[in-house]
Amino acid sequence: MSAREDCYRLCSRIMDGAFSNLAKSGNEGAFAHEWTDKVIAKRLLLEHILGHYINKPLQKLDKEVRLTLMIGICELMYLDTPENVAVSESVNMVRTLKKSSAASLVNAVLRSFIRDGKSIPPVEGDKFRRFSVENSVPLELLKSVANDYGEDKAFLWGSNFNSVNHSVRVNTLKDEGKTYERMLKGEKTDDPIAFLKSFGDDFRKGSMEKGVIYPQGISSQLCALAVGAGPGETVIDICAAPGGKSFTMAVEMKNKGRLISCDKTEKRCDLIKKGAQRLGLSVIEAKVNDGTVRNAGFPAADRVLCDVPCSGYGVIHNKPEIRYKPLSSFDTLPSVQYSILETSSEYVKSGGTLVYSTCTVRRCENEDIVERFLKEHPDFYGYDDIFDEKTLPSEDIPFTQAGVIERSHVIRAMEGSFMNTIFREGCDGFFIAVMRRK
């Protein structure tokens, strides 16, 4: 099967409601996956362009024709395929899909788009409507973020979420002081927070298999470090799978103490177990647990992390289709999130630390949850008694040329009771709240 056919099949499944990570079987090539992600990520823009060349509502076009045209327009805009090849292969595709009667339409639309310089037709409406189409952010979602955080931040978020830096973390327990071969020679750092994957796949793959490094986003690393876990402590990670934050906390603990990493199913706990084994982290105990129900078998903990299930609008680059889900589909989340936070707090020792985090950009899942919790639980307080929104401007966490973030900058950035990485270019959108028990 060709990359085009794979792309069509995947896009069709995703637009019918499948999650992109589940739709991909692994039998498709990397190019087909990249192409699919681009079509889904640019869906509103592609539909806008296509609508300019079609004299009837797009919904009245056969699905096979509509999707073939969107894939072709995406190819012409973002891939290196020669224009004549993109057109002819799109025509062949629609014939393969048994829609030969539409072959002349596909040919005409794509050639008209090329003649027009592959430009984006003007978008009618206000600045929200224009931004929504040009950045493929549903209008409802864009206005919701603007209502929560202001127009400027909403537009910044909508511009940045497709440009997240990929990163790994060094497992210093296996690195044996080499700090990932001194961050591939010449880059000065003794205690790396993140290293961007701007290096060879062969080198990376070998180091991954040996457990010297593991993939983890910058914001996820900041979240794990905000917990402040140290050697000999008892730590509970309530919603841990696939395990990245637990791994980072275990390394920070020097593999000494007790770290209970939980998730709701055996299958997800197996992911934690396999990762911990590869990294040599014997301190981790993976346990099946429902975060909303108090577990009488859990010990009192020095530190508890609850990185709760959320709408995921901070990690859209991983699952581009999430943005198209209606906000109403997440209406029940805040009550679940609050239940997990409240239950998690029961494990925290006097003087212990409780961290609440999400990877989304909705106040009702973030600030509102923590504000309610602190109001209803006076035995907890925000770190340093400060409860103002914290953002991370680029200058707060500078990168070296190799993409290394130094620990001292993280400590300085975490002063305050919570912070957002949502509006920082290159970062996943995380909300992190640090609380302590009196």
Protein backbone atom coordinates (compact mmCIF):
# COMPACT_ATOMS: atom_id res chain seq x y z
CA MET A 1 0.00 0.00 0.00
CA SER A 2 1.35 3.46 -0.93
CA ALA A 3 1.93 6.29 1.55
CA ARG A 4 -1.00 8.13 -0.04
CA GLU A 5 -3.33 5.18 0.52
CA ASP A 6 -2.07 4.79 4.09
CA CYS A 7 -2.63 8.50 4.69
CA TYR A 8 -6.17 8.29 3.30
CA ARG A 9 -7.04 5.27 5.44
CA LEU A 10 -5.63 6.83 8.62
CA CYS A 11 -7.28 10.22 8.03
CA SER A 12 -10.59 8.52 7.35
CA ARG A 13 -10.43 6.60 10.62
CA ILE A 14 -9.37 9.63 12.66
CA MET A 15 -12.07 11.86 11.19
CA ASP A 16 -14.58 9.14 12.06
CA GLY A 17 -13.54 9.45 15.71
CA ALA A 18 -10.47 7.28 16.25
CA PHE A 19 -7.50 8.64 18.21
CA SER A 20 -4.50 9.16 15.95
CA ASN A 21 -2.15 7.12 18.16
CA LEU A 22 -4.57 4.19 18.06
CA ALA A 23 -5.41 4.51 14.37
CA LYS A 24 -1.75 4.03 13.44
CA SER A 25 -1.03 0.31 13.31
CA GLY A 26 2.71 0.54 12.83
CA ASN A 27 2.48 -1.04 9.39
CA GLU A 28 2.49 2.40 7.79
CA GLY A 29 5.73 4.23 7.15
CA ALA A 30 6.91 7.34 8.99
CA PHE A 31 6.12 9.46 5.93
CA ALA A 32 2.47 8.34 5.93
CA HIS A 33 2.24 9.16 9.65
CA GLU A 34 3.75 12.60 9.12
CA TRP A 35 1.42 13.30 6.22
CA THR A 36 -1.61 12.16 8.21
CA ASP A 37 -0.71 14.33 11.18
CA LYS A 38 -0.34 17.34 8.88
CA VAL A 39 -3.75 16.79 7.26
CA ILE A 40 -5.43 16.48 10.66
CA ALA A 41 -3.52 19.42 12.13
CA LYS A 42 -4.45 21.66 9.17
CA ARG A 43 -7.98 20.36 8.71
CA LEU A 44 -9.87 23.68 9.09
CA LEU A 45 -7.46 25.48 6.78
CA LEU A 46 -7.63 22.73 4.15
CA GLU A 47 -11.44 22.78 4.27
CA HIS A 48 -11.40 26.56 3.87
CA ILE A 49 -9.16 26.33 0.80
CA LEU A 50 -11.21 23.52 -0.70
CA GLY A 51 -14.45 25.45 -0.10
CA HIS A 52 -13.09 28.27 -2.26
CA TYR A 53 -13.00 25.95 -5.30
CA ILE A 54 -16.22 24.00 -4.72
CA ASN A 55 -19.62 25.52 -5.53
CA LYS A 56 -21.55 23.49 -2.95
CA PRO A 57 -21.22 22.71 0.77
CA LEU A 58 -18.28 20.37 1.39
CA GLN A 59 -20.56 18.03 3.32
CA LYS A 60 -22.34 17.27 0.05
CA LEU A 61 -19.13 16.03 -1.54
CA ASP A 62 -18.58 12.31 -1.26
CA LYS A 63 -16.24 11.63 1.64
CA GLU A 64 -13.75 9.89 -0.66
CA VAL A 65 -13.54 12.92 -2.95
CA ARG A 66 -13.40 15.47 -0.16
CA LEU A 67 -10.63 13.67 1.71
CA THR A 68 -8.62 12.97 -1.45
CA LEU A 69 -8.70 16.69 -2.26
CA MET A 70 -7.68 17.69 1.28
CA ILE A 71 -4.75 15.26 1.18
CA GLY A 72 -3.74 16.64 -2.24
CA ILE A 73 -3.92 20.27 -1.13
CA CYS A 74 -1.90 19.42 1.98
CA GLU A 75 0.68 17.71 -0.24
CA LEU A 76 0.97 20.73 -2.51
CA MET A 77 1.33 23.13 0.43
CA TYR A 78 3.64 21.27 2.79
CA LEU A 79 5.38 18.36 1.05
CA ASP A 80 8.10 18.26 -1.58
CA THR A 81 6.15 16.25 -4.15
CA PRO A 82 6.38 17.71 -7.68
CA GLU A 83 3.11 19.45 -8.51
CA ASN A 84 2.27 17.34 -11.57
CA VAL A 85 2.86 14.15 -9.57
CA ALA A 86 0.65 15.35 -6.71
CA VAL A 87 -2.18 16.08 -9.14
CA SER A 88 -1.94 12.88 -11.18
CA GLU A 89 -1.62 10.67 -8.11
CA SER A 90 -4.63 12.36 -6.51
CA VAL A 91 -6.65 11.67 -9.64
CA ASN A 92 -5.52 8.04 -9.59
CA MET A 93 -6.45 7.85 -5.93
CA VAL A 94 -10.04 8.94 -6.45
CA ARG A 95 -10.34 6.36 -9.21
CA THR A 96 -8.96 3.67 -6.89
CA LEU A 97 -11.68 4.65 -4.44
CA LYS A 98 -14.26 3.94 -7.17
CA LYS A 99 -15.18 7.57 -7.64
CA SER A 100 -13.95 7.91 -11.24
CA SER A 101 -16.74 10.35 -12.03
CA ALA A 102 -14.97 12.87 -9.76
CA ALA A 103 -11.55 12.52 -11.43
CA SER A 104 -12.02 15.66 -13.57
CA LEU A 105 -13.14 17.63 -10.49
CA VAL A 106 -10.05 16.59 -8.51
CA ASN A 107 -7.82 17.49 -11.45
CA ALA A 108 -9.50 20.89 -11.93
CA VAL A 109 -9.46 21.90 -8.25
CA LEU A 110 -5.80 21.03 -7.67
CA ARG A 111 -4.64 22.69 -10.90
CA SER A 112 -6.65 25.82 -10.06
CA PHE A 113 -5.02 25.90 -6.63
CA ILE A 114 -1.58 25.67 -8.26
CA ARG A 115 -2.42 28.46 -10.76
CA ASP A 116 -3.48 30.67 -7.86
CA GLY A 117 -0.02 30.35 -6.37
CA LYS A 118 -1.19 27.88 -3.70
CA SER A 119 -2.32 30.87 -1.69
CA ILE A 120 -4.85 30.91 1.14
CA PRO A 121 -8.12 32.59 0.10
CA PRO A 122 -9.15 35.54 2.32
CA VAL A 123 -11.04 34.55 5.46
CA GLU A 124 -14.17 36.55 6.14
CA GLY A 125 -15.02 37.58 9.70
CA ASP A 126 -13.30 39.04 12.75
CA LYS A 127 -9.78 38.32 14.00
CA PHE A 128 -10.95 35.25 15.91
CA ARG A 129 -12.50 33.75 12.81
CA ARG A 130 -9.39 34.48 10.72
CA PHE A 131 -7.04 33.04 13.34
CA SER A 132 -9.28 30.00 13.78
CA VAL A 133 -9.11 29.11 10.09
CA GLU A 134 -5.48 30.02 9.43
CA ASN A 135 -4.23 28.05 12.46
CA SER A 136 -6.89 25.32 12.41
CA VAL A 137 -8.07 26.05 15.96
CA PRO A 138 -11.84 25.59 16.40
CA LEU A 139 -13.49 28.91 17.18
CA GLU A 140 -15.18 27.60 20.33
CA LEU A 141 -11.85 26.45 21.78
CA LEU A 142 -9.99 29.62 20.81
CA LYS A 143 -12.58 31.86 22.44
CA SER A 144 -12.59 29.69 25.55
CA VAL A 145 -8.83 30.11 26.00
CA ALA A 146 -9.16 33.85 25.35
CA ASN A 147 -11.87 34.08 27.97
CA ASP A 148 -9.65 32.29 30.51
CA TYR A 149 -6.29 33.90 29.79
CA GLY A 150 -6.82 36.85 27.44
CA GLU A 151 -6.67 37.29 23.68
CA ASP A 152 -2.90 37.69 23.40
CA LYS A 153 -2.20 34.45 25.22
CA ALA A 154 -4.88 32.61 23.30
CA PHE A 155 -3.29 33.61 20.00
CA LEU A 156 0.19 32.78 21.32
CA TRP A 157 -0.99 29.32 22.38
CA GLY A 158 -2.72 28.73 19.04
CA SER A 159 0.45 29.70 17.18
CA ASN A 160 2.84 27.60 19.29
CA PHE A 161 1.28 24.22 19.91
CA ASN A 162 2.53 22.76 16.63
CA SER A 163 6.14 23.79 17.33
CA VAL A 164 6.94 21.86 20.50
CA ASN A 165 10.56 20.84 21.00
CA HIS A 166 11.17 17.11 21.38
CA SER A 167 13.48 16.22 24.23
CA VAL A 168 14.98 13.43 26.26
CA ARG A 169 16.21 13.17 29.83
CA VAL A 170 19.51 11.65 30.90
CA ASN A 171 19.35 8.75 33.35
CA THR A 172 22.31 9.76 35.49
CA LEU A 173 22.19 6.42 37.33
CA LYS A 174 23.30 4.64 34.15
CA ASP A 175 25.18 7.52 32.58
CA GLU A 176 28.11 6.95 34.98
CA GLY A 177 29.12 10.58 35.05
CA LYS A 178 29.42 10.90 31.27
CA THR A 179 26.24 12.98 31.14
CA TYR A 180 25.24 11.57 27.80
CA GLU A 181 28.75 11.70 26.43
CA ARG A 182 29.02 15.28 27.68
CA MET A 183 25.89 16.05 25.73
CA LEU A 184 27.45 14.77 22.54
CA LYS A 185 30.82 16.44 23.06
CA GLY A 186 31.54 20.02 23.89
CA GLU A 187 28.34 21.07 25.62
CA LYS A 188 28.99 22.04 29.23
CA THR A 189 26.48 20.75 31.77
CA ASP A 190 26.67 18.73 34.97
CA ASP A 191 22.96 18.39 35.65
CA PRO A 192 20.83 18.46 32.49
CA ILE A 193 17.10 18.98 32.60
CA ALA A 194 16.41 18.38 28.91
CA PHE A 195 18.25 17.72 25.69
CA LEU A 196 16.62 18.31 22.33
CA LYS A 197 16.65 15.46 19.85
CA SER A 198 18.84 17.21 17.31
CA PHE A 199 21.17 14.25 16.99
CA GLY A 200 21.39 11.00 15.06
CA ASP A 201 18.66 8.41 15.39
CA ASP A 202 21.18 5.54 15.64
CA PHE A 203 22.95 7.14 18.59
CA ARG A 204 19.65 7.98 20.25
CA LYS A 205 18.18 4.52 19.71
CA GLY A 206 21.22 2.79 21.19
CA SER A 207 21.18 5.03 24.25
CA MET A 208 17.44 4.50 24.65
CA GLU A 209 17.81 0.73 24.59
CA LYS A 210 20.59 0.88 27.17
CA GLY A 211 18.48 3.04 29.45
CA VAL A 212 20.92 5.96 29.38
CA ILE A 213 18.23 8.34 28.12
CA TYR A 214 14.45 8.28 27.85
CA PRO A 215 11.99 10.53 26.00
CA GLN A 216 10.32 13.18 28.14
CA GLY A 217 9.00 16.62 27.25
CA ILE A 218 10.45 19.70 28.89
CA SER A 219 7.23 20.57 30.70
CA SER A 220 6.84 17.01 31.94
CA GLN A 221 10.37 17.16 33.36
CA LEU A 222 9.59 20.46 35.09
CA CYS A 223 6.49 18.86 36.60
CA ALA A 224 8.45 15.92 38.00
CA LEU A 225 11.15 18.21 39.37
CA ALA A 226 8.56 20.44 41.03
CA VAL A 227 7.71 17.51 43.31
CA GLY A 228 11.18 17.84 44.84
CA ALA A 229 11.63 14.11 45.55
CA GLY A 230 14.88 13.16 47.29
CA PRO A 231 16.76 10.01 48.36
CA GLY A 232 15.09 7.95 51.07
CA GLU A 233 11.67 9.60 50.78
CA THR A 234 8.28 7.99 50.26
CA VAL A 235 6.63 9.30 47.07
CA ILE A 236 3.33 8.42 45.39
CA ASP A 237 2.62 9.14 41.71
CA ILE A 238 -1.16 8.77 41.45
CA CYS A 239 -1.72 8.75 37.65
CA ALA A 240 1.70 7.63 36.49
CA ALA A 241 1.49 5.71 33.20
CA PRO A 242 3.41 5.53 30.96
CA GLY A 243 5.86 6.49 33.71
CA GLY A 244 8.04 9.39 32.57
CA LYS A 245 7.53 11.54 35.66
CA SER A 246 8.04 8.55 37.96
CA PHE A 247 11.29 7.76 36.18
CA THR A 248 12.57 11.31 36.65
CA MET A 249 11.58 11.34 40.32
CA ALA A 250 13.26 7.96 40.85
CA VAL A 251 16.50 9.28 39.35
CA GLU A 252 16.25 12.36 41.58
CA MET A 253 15.84 9.99 44.54
CA LYS A 254 19.08 8.24 43.50
CA ASN A 255 17.00 5.06 43.36
CA LYS A 256 16.69 5.12 47.17
CA GLY A 257 13.43 5.20 49.12
CA ARG A 258 9.98 4.16 47.96
CA LEU A 259 8.11 5.36 44.89
CA ILE A 260 4.61 3.96 44.32
CA SER A 261 3.57 4.54 40.69
CA CYS A 262 -0.13 3.97 40.09
CA ASP A 263 -2.55 3.68 37.26
CA LYS A 264 -6.04 2.33 36.79
CA THR A 265 -5.32 -0.76 34.67
CA GLU A 266 -2.83 -3.61 34.70
CA LYS A 267 -1.94 -2.89 31.08
CA ARG A 268 -0.87 0.67 31.86
CA CYS A 269 1.01 -0.45 34.97
CA ASP A 270 2.93 -2.88 32.77
CA LEU A 271 4.23 0.11 30.78
CA ILE A 272 5.63 1.56 34.00
CA LYS A 273 7.22 -1.77 34.99
CA LYS A 274 8.90 -2.24 31.61
CA GLY A 275 10.26 1.31 31.56
CA ALA A 276 11.56 1.08 35.12
CA GLN A 277 13.27 -2.23 34.35
CA ARG A 278 14.99 -0.81 31.26
CA LEU A 279 16.21 2.18 33.24
CA GLY A 280 17.31 0.11 36.23
CA LEU A 281 14.94 1.86 38.66
CA SER A 282 14.23 -0.69 41.38
CA VAL A 283 12.73 1.93 43.70
CA ILE A 284 9.53 2.04 41.60
CA GLU A 285 6.54 -0.10 42.62
CA ALA A 286 3.85 -0.14 39.91
CA LYS A 287 0.38 -0.67 41.42
CA VAL A 288 -3.13 -0.81 39.97
CA ASN A 289 -5.15 1.85 41.77
CA ASP A 290 -8.23 4.04 41.29
CA GLY A 291 -7.13 7.59 42.07
CA THR A 292 -10.62 8.64 43.16
CA VAL A 293 -10.79 6.03 45.96
CA ARG A 294 -8.59 6.13 49.06
CA ASN A 295 -6.25 3.13 49.20
CA ALA A 296 -5.90 2.01 52.83
CA GLY A 297 -2.75 0.10 51.91
CA PHE A 298 -0.80 3.19 50.88
CA PRO A 299 1.68 4.69 53.35
CA ALA A 300 1.84 8.31 54.46
CA ALA A 301 3.99 10.04 51.86
CA ASP A 302 6.53 12.84 51.88
CA ARG A 303 5.42 13.85 48.41
CA VAL A 304 2.44 13.07 46.19
CA LEU A 305 2.03 13.90 42.50
CA CYS A 306 -1.39 13.81 40.87
CA ASP A 307 -1.01 14.50 37.15
CA VAL A 308 -4.71 14.03 36.47
CA PRO A 309 -6.57 12.95 33.31
CA CYS A 310 -7.48 16.09 31.37
CA SER A 311 -8.72 17.43 28.04
CA GLY A 312 -5.16 17.47 26.70
CA TYR A 313 -5.24 20.85 24.96
CA GLY A 314 -1.65 21.47 26.02
CA VAL A 315 -0.31 18.51 24.03
CA ILE A 316 -2.25 18.90 20.79
CA HIS A 317 0.90 18.29 18.76
CA ASN A 318 0.84 14.66 19.96
CA LYS A 319 -2.83 14.10 19.15
CA PRO A 320 -3.85 16.79 16.64
CA GLU A 321 -7.44 15.57 16.48
CA ILE A 322 -8.10 16.52 20.14
CA ARG A 323 -8.68 20.14 19.18
CA TYR A 324 -11.81 19.23 17.22
CA LYS A 325 -13.62 17.59 20.16
CA PRO A 326 -16.41 19.82 21.48
CA LEU A 327 -15.71 21.39 24.86
CA SER A 328 -18.90 19.81 26.18
CA SER A 329 -17.31 16.37 25.85
CA PHE A 330 -15.07 17.29 28.80
CA ASP A 331 -17.80 18.60 31.11
CA THR A 332 -17.37 15.78 33.63
CA LEU A 333 -13.59 16.09 33.91
CA PRO A 334 -13.34 18.77 36.65
CA SER A 335 -15.31 16.68 39.13
CA VAL A 336 -13.05 13.67 38.48
CA GLN A 337 -9.93 15.83 38.74
CA TYR A 338 -11.05 17.33 42.03
CA SER A 339 -11.86 13.89 43.41
CA ILE A 340 -8.37 12.63 42.54
CA LEU A 341 -6.73 15.70 44.10
CA GLU A 342 -8.77 15.44 47.28
CA THR A 343 -8.11 11.71 47.63
CA SER A 344 -4.40 12.22 46.91
CA SER A 345 -4.12 14.82 49.64
CA GLU A 346 -5.03 12.20 52.24
CA TYR A 347 -1.71 10.43 51.68
CA VAL A 348 0.42 13.54 52.34
CA LYS A 349 2.32 13.73 55.66
CA SER A 350 2.32 16.87 57.79
CA GLY A 351 4.78 19.22 56.13
CA GLY A 352 4.65 17.12 52.97
CA THR A 353 4.28 18.30 49.36
CA LEU A 354 1.30 17.83 47.05
CA VAL A 355 1.60 18.65 43.34
CA TYR A 356 -1.41 18.94 41.03
CA SER A 357 -0.80 19.09 37.29
CA THR A 358 -2.51 18.82 33.92
CA CYS A 359 -1.48 19.11 30.29
CA THR A 360 -4.35 21.36 29.27
CA VAL A 361 -5.21 25.04 28.87
CA ARG A 362 -8.56 25.39 30.63
CA ARG A 363 -9.00 27.36 33.83
CA CYS A 364 -11.84 25.08 34.98
CA GLU A 365 -9.38 22.15 34.98
CA ASN A 366 -6.47 24.12 36.40
CA GLU A 367 -6.68 27.22 38.60
CA ASP A 368 -10.32 26.64 39.55
CA ILE A 369 -9.55 23.15 40.88
CA VAL A 370 -6.62 24.30 43.01
CA GLU A 371 -8.38 27.41 44.31
CA ARG A 372 -11.36 25.33 45.40
CA PHE A 373 -9.10 22.74 47.03
CA LEU A 374 -7.15 25.31 49.06
CA LYS A 375 -10.36 27.00 50.14
CA GLU A 376 -11.90 23.73 51.32
CA HIS A 377 -8.68 22.33 52.83
CA PRO A 378 -7.09 24.99 55.05
CA ASP A 379 -4.44 22.51 56.20
CA PHE A 380 -2.81 22.98 52.78
CA TYR A 381 -1.29 26.15 51.39
CA GLY A 382 0.24 27.31 48.11
CA TYR A 383 4.02 27.20 47.98
CA ASP A 384 5.48 30.36 49.55
CA ASP A 385 1.91 31.52 50.24
CA ILE A 386 1.86 33.05 46.76
CA PHE A 387 -1.10 32.28 44.54
CA ASP A 388 -0.64 34.27 41.36
CA GLU A 389 -0.43 32.96 37.83
CA LYS A 390 3.13 32.18 36.80
CA THR A 391 4.19 32.01 33.20
CA LEU A 392 7.56 31.13 31.74
CA PRO A 393 8.93 33.72 29.33
CA SER A 394 11.66 32.43 27.08
CA GLU A 395 14.36 34.20 29.07
CA ASP A 396 13.44 32.39 32.28
CA ILE A 397 14.64 29.02 31.03
CA PRO A 398 17.42 29.62 28.50
CA PHE A 399 18.75 26.85 26.30
CA THR A 400 22.40 26.26 25.57
CA GLN A 401 23.30 25.57 21.97
CA ALA A 402 22.72 21.87 22.57
CA GLY A 403 19.32 22.47 24.08
CA VAL A 404 20.29 21.87 27.70
CA ILE A 405 18.31 23.54 30.48
CA GLU A 406 20.20 24.07 33.70
CA ARG A 407 18.65 23.18 37.05
CA SER A 408 19.28 26.62 38.58
CA HIS A 409 16.87 28.19 36.10
CA VAL A 410 14.16 25.66 36.98
CA ILE A 411 14.46 26.45 40.68
CA ARG A 412 14.14 30.16 39.98
CA ALA A 413 11.16 29.63 37.66
CA MET A 414 9.30 27.55 40.25
CA GLU A 415 9.15 30.31 42.88
CA GLY A 416 5.44 30.81 43.41
CA SER A 417 2.58 28.44 44.08
CA PHE A 418 1.87 27.47 40.48
CA MET A 419 2.98 28.07 36.95
CA ASN A 420 1.96 27.55 33.35
CA THR A 421 4.24 26.37 30.58
CA ILE A 422 1.22 26.66 28.29
CA PHE A 423 2.29 29.95 26.76
CA ARG A 424 6.00 29.28 26.34
CA GLU A 425 7.21 28.54 22.83
CA GLY A 426 8.71 25.08 22.45
CA CYS A 427 7.00 23.63 25.54
CA ASP A 428 4.00 21.39 26.00
CA GLY A 429 1.24 23.23 27.82
CA PHE A 430 1.36 22.09 31.44
CA PHE A 431 -0.25 23.54 34.55
CA ILE A 432 1.69 22.78 37.74
CA ALA A 433 0.54 23.69 41.26
CA VAL A 434 2.79 23.04 44.26
CA MET A 435 1.10 22.83 47.68
CA ARG A 436 2.25 21.85 51.15
CA ARG A 437 0.51 20.46 54.17
CA LYS A 438 0.86 22.54 57.34
